[in-house]
N, C-alpha and C. Protein backbone atom coordinates (compact mmCIF):
# COMPACT_ATOMS: atom_id res chain seq x y z
N MET A 1 84.96 123.48 73.39
CA MET A 1 84.06 123.35 72.27
C MET A 1 84.72 122.25 71.31
N SER A 2 83.87 121.60 70.64
CA SER A 2 84.31 120.55 69.71
C SER A 2 84.60 121.10 68.30
N PRO A 3 85.58 120.63 67.60
CA PRO A 3 85.78 121.07 66.21
C PRO A 3 84.59 120.62 65.36
N ALA A 4 83.82 119.57 65.77
CA ALA A 4 82.66 119.25 65.13
C ALA A 4 81.69 120.40 64.86
N LEU A 5 81.85 121.53 65.59
CA LEU A 5 81.03 122.63 65.48
C LEU A 5 81.11 123.14 63.98
N VAL A 6 82.26 123.16 63.39
CA VAL A 6 82.43 123.63 62.01
C VAL A 6 81.63 122.78 61.10
N ASP A 7 81.63 121.53 61.36
CA ASP A 7 80.80 120.62 60.50
C ASP A 7 79.30 120.95 60.63
N THR A 8 78.97 121.25 61.88
CA THR A 8 77.59 121.57 62.15
C THR A 8 77.09 123.00 61.49
N VAL A 9 77.96 123.85 61.50
CA VAL A 9 77.71 125.21 60.92
C VAL A 9 77.49 124.93 59.42
N VAL A 10 78.41 124.34 58.82
CA VAL A 10 78.27 124.08 57.39
C VAL A 10 77.06 123.31 56.98
N ALA A 11 76.73 122.22 57.83
CA ALA A 11 75.46 121.42 57.51
C ALA A 11 74.24 122.36 57.73
N ARG A 12 74.22 123.20 58.76
CA ARG A 12 72.96 124.00 58.96
C ARG A 12 72.84 125.08 57.96
N LEU A 13 73.96 125.63 57.45
CA LEU A 13 73.82 126.58 56.34
C LEU A 13 73.36 125.91 55.08
N GLN A 14 73.74 124.71 54.79
CA GLN A 14 73.20 123.88 53.56
C GLN A 14 71.75 123.55 53.79
N ALA A 15 71.36 123.18 55.06
CA ALA A 15 69.94 122.84 55.34
C ALA A 15 69.07 124.03 55.19
N MET A 16 69.57 125.22 55.57
CA MET A 16 68.82 126.45 55.32
C MET A 16 68.49 126.65 53.86
N VAL A 17 69.56 126.58 52.96
CA VAL A 17 69.45 126.66 51.56
C VAL A 17 68.42 125.59 51.03
N ASP A 18 68.59 124.38 51.48
CA ASP A 18 67.68 123.30 51.01
C ASP A 18 66.23 123.63 51.35
N PHE A 19 66.01 124.08 52.62
CA PHE A 19 64.71 124.39 53.12
C PHE A 19 64.08 125.61 52.21
N MET A 20 64.91 126.64 51.91
CA MET A 20 64.40 127.74 51.13
C MET A 20 63.98 127.14 49.77
N GLN A 21 64.84 126.37 49.10
CA GLN A 21 64.45 125.97 47.84
C GLN A 21 63.29 124.96 47.82
N THR A 22 63.12 124.16 48.85
CA THR A 22 61.94 123.31 48.93
C THR A 22 60.71 124.09 49.07
N GLN A 23 60.78 125.10 49.94
CA GLN A 23 59.57 126.01 50.19
C GLN A 23 59.18 126.83 48.90
N ALA A 24 60.26 127.24 48.22
CA ALA A 24 59.99 128.04 46.99
C ALA A 24 59.34 127.12 45.95
N ALA A 25 59.90 125.84 45.85
CA ALA A 25 59.32 124.86 44.88
C ALA A 25 57.87 124.48 45.23
N ALA A 26 57.55 124.58 46.52
CA ALA A 26 56.16 124.29 46.91
C ALA A 26 55.27 125.42 46.72
N GLY A 27 55.74 126.52 46.25
CA GLY A 27 54.85 127.82 45.95
C GLY A 27 54.91 128.85 46.94
N ASN A 28 55.78 128.68 47.93
CA ASN A 28 55.85 129.67 48.98
C ASN A 28 56.60 130.96 48.43
N THR A 29 55.81 131.96 48.19
CA THR A 29 56.31 133.18 47.53
C THR A 29 57.35 133.94 48.28
N ALA A 30 57.25 133.84 49.60
CA ALA A 30 58.23 134.63 50.45
C ALA A 30 59.59 133.87 50.23
N TYR A 31 59.75 132.58 50.17
CA TYR A 31 60.99 131.92 49.99
C TYR A 31 61.39 132.04 48.52
N ALA A 32 60.48 132.11 47.63
CA ALA A 32 60.87 132.35 46.24
C ALA A 32 61.54 133.66 46.11
N GLY A 33 60.96 134.62 46.80
CA GLY A 33 61.49 135.97 46.85
C GLY A 33 62.96 135.99 47.41
N HIS A 34 63.13 135.22 48.51
CA HIS A 34 64.50 135.13 49.20
C HIS A 34 65.49 134.59 48.12
N LEU A 35 65.06 133.59 47.34
CA LEU A 35 65.93 132.95 46.31
C LEU A 35 66.16 133.89 45.29
N ALA A 36 65.12 134.72 44.81
CA ALA A 36 65.34 135.61 43.68
C ALA A 36 66.28 136.78 44.08
N ALA A 37 66.22 137.12 45.43
CA ALA A 37 67.08 138.21 45.97
C ALA A 37 68.56 137.62 46.17
N GLY A 38 68.68 136.28 46.05
CA GLY A 38 70.16 135.75 46.22
C GLY A 38 70.50 135.47 47.60
N HIS A 39 69.52 135.45 48.49
CA HIS A 39 69.91 135.12 49.89
C HIS A 39 70.60 133.75 50.09
N HIS A 40 70.25 132.81 49.24
CA HIS A 40 70.92 131.59 49.38
C HIS A 40 72.37 131.64 48.98
N VAL A 41 72.73 132.45 48.07
CA VAL A 41 74.09 132.68 47.71
C VAL A 41 75.00 133.08 48.84
N GLN A 42 74.48 133.96 49.69
CA GLN A 42 75.21 134.34 50.93
C GLN A 42 75.45 133.23 51.84
N CYS A 43 74.45 132.46 52.07
CA CYS A 43 74.52 131.15 52.93
C CYS A 43 75.59 130.20 52.39
N LEU A 44 75.59 129.95 51.00
CA LEU A 44 76.56 129.14 50.44
C LEU A 44 78.03 129.71 50.51
N SER A 45 78.09 131.07 50.31
CA SER A 45 79.33 131.67 50.44
C SER A 45 79.84 131.57 51.85
N ASP A 46 78.96 131.71 52.95
CA ASP A 46 79.36 131.53 54.21
C ASP A 46 79.90 130.20 54.51
N ALA A 47 79.23 129.13 53.96
CA ALA A 47 79.52 127.79 54.20
C ALA A 47 81.09 127.53 53.56
N THR A 48 81.32 128.12 52.39
CA THR A 48 82.50 127.97 51.71
C THR A 48 83.67 128.66 52.57
N TYR A 49 83.32 129.83 53.15
CA TYR A 49 84.25 130.44 53.95
C TYR A 49 84.72 129.60 55.16
N VAL A 50 83.58 129.05 55.84
CA VAL A 50 83.85 128.37 57.08
C VAL A 50 84.71 127.09 56.74
N ILE A 51 84.46 126.45 55.59
CA ILE A 51 85.31 125.31 55.18
C ILE A 51 86.68 125.73 54.85
N GLU A 52 86.86 126.90 54.18
CA GLU A 52 88.21 127.25 53.82
C GLU A 52 89.04 127.77 55.09
N GLN A 53 88.37 128.24 56.05
CA GLN A 53 88.94 128.66 57.33
C GLN A 53 88.93 127.65 58.44
N ARG A 54 88.64 126.38 58.09
CA ARG A 54 88.43 125.37 59.12
C ARG A 54 89.55 125.35 59.97
N ALA A 55 90.75 125.32 59.55
CA ALA A 55 92.07 125.18 60.39
C ALA A 55 91.96 126.28 61.49
N VAL A 56 91.73 127.46 61.09
CA VAL A 56 91.64 128.60 61.99
C VAL A 56 90.64 128.35 63.02
N PHE A 57 89.37 127.99 62.63
CA PHE A 57 88.26 127.69 63.62
C PHE A 57 88.62 126.56 64.48
N ASP A 58 89.10 125.48 63.96
CA ASP A 58 89.38 124.23 64.78
C ASP A 58 90.50 124.65 65.91
N GLN A 59 91.53 125.57 65.33
CA GLN A 59 92.57 125.86 66.29
C GLN A 59 91.88 126.62 67.53
N HIS A 60 91.11 127.55 67.19
CA HIS A 60 90.55 128.43 68.27
C HIS A 60 89.49 127.66 69.17
N LEU A 61 88.84 126.61 68.55
CA LEU A 61 87.86 125.91 69.26
C LEU A 61 88.47 124.98 70.24
N GLN A 62 89.68 124.55 69.93
CA GLN A 62 90.44 123.63 70.80
C GLN A 62 91.16 124.27 71.96
N GLN A 63 91.14 125.62 72.05
CA GLN A 63 91.79 126.27 73.10
C GLN A 63 90.99 126.26 74.45
């Protein structure tokens, strides 16, 4: 597996947050509810964790 997987995971988590925000701004009440419930915060926290642990992930992906 490629260490680029870490970059992909982070990008996909950010894309999910961007999508939720776009949908909520367009009036989608389901996504507005997800944002109100803080679901995007978990995605951003996950992305931060992956970035912080990048060296560990990269090491194991290169085995």
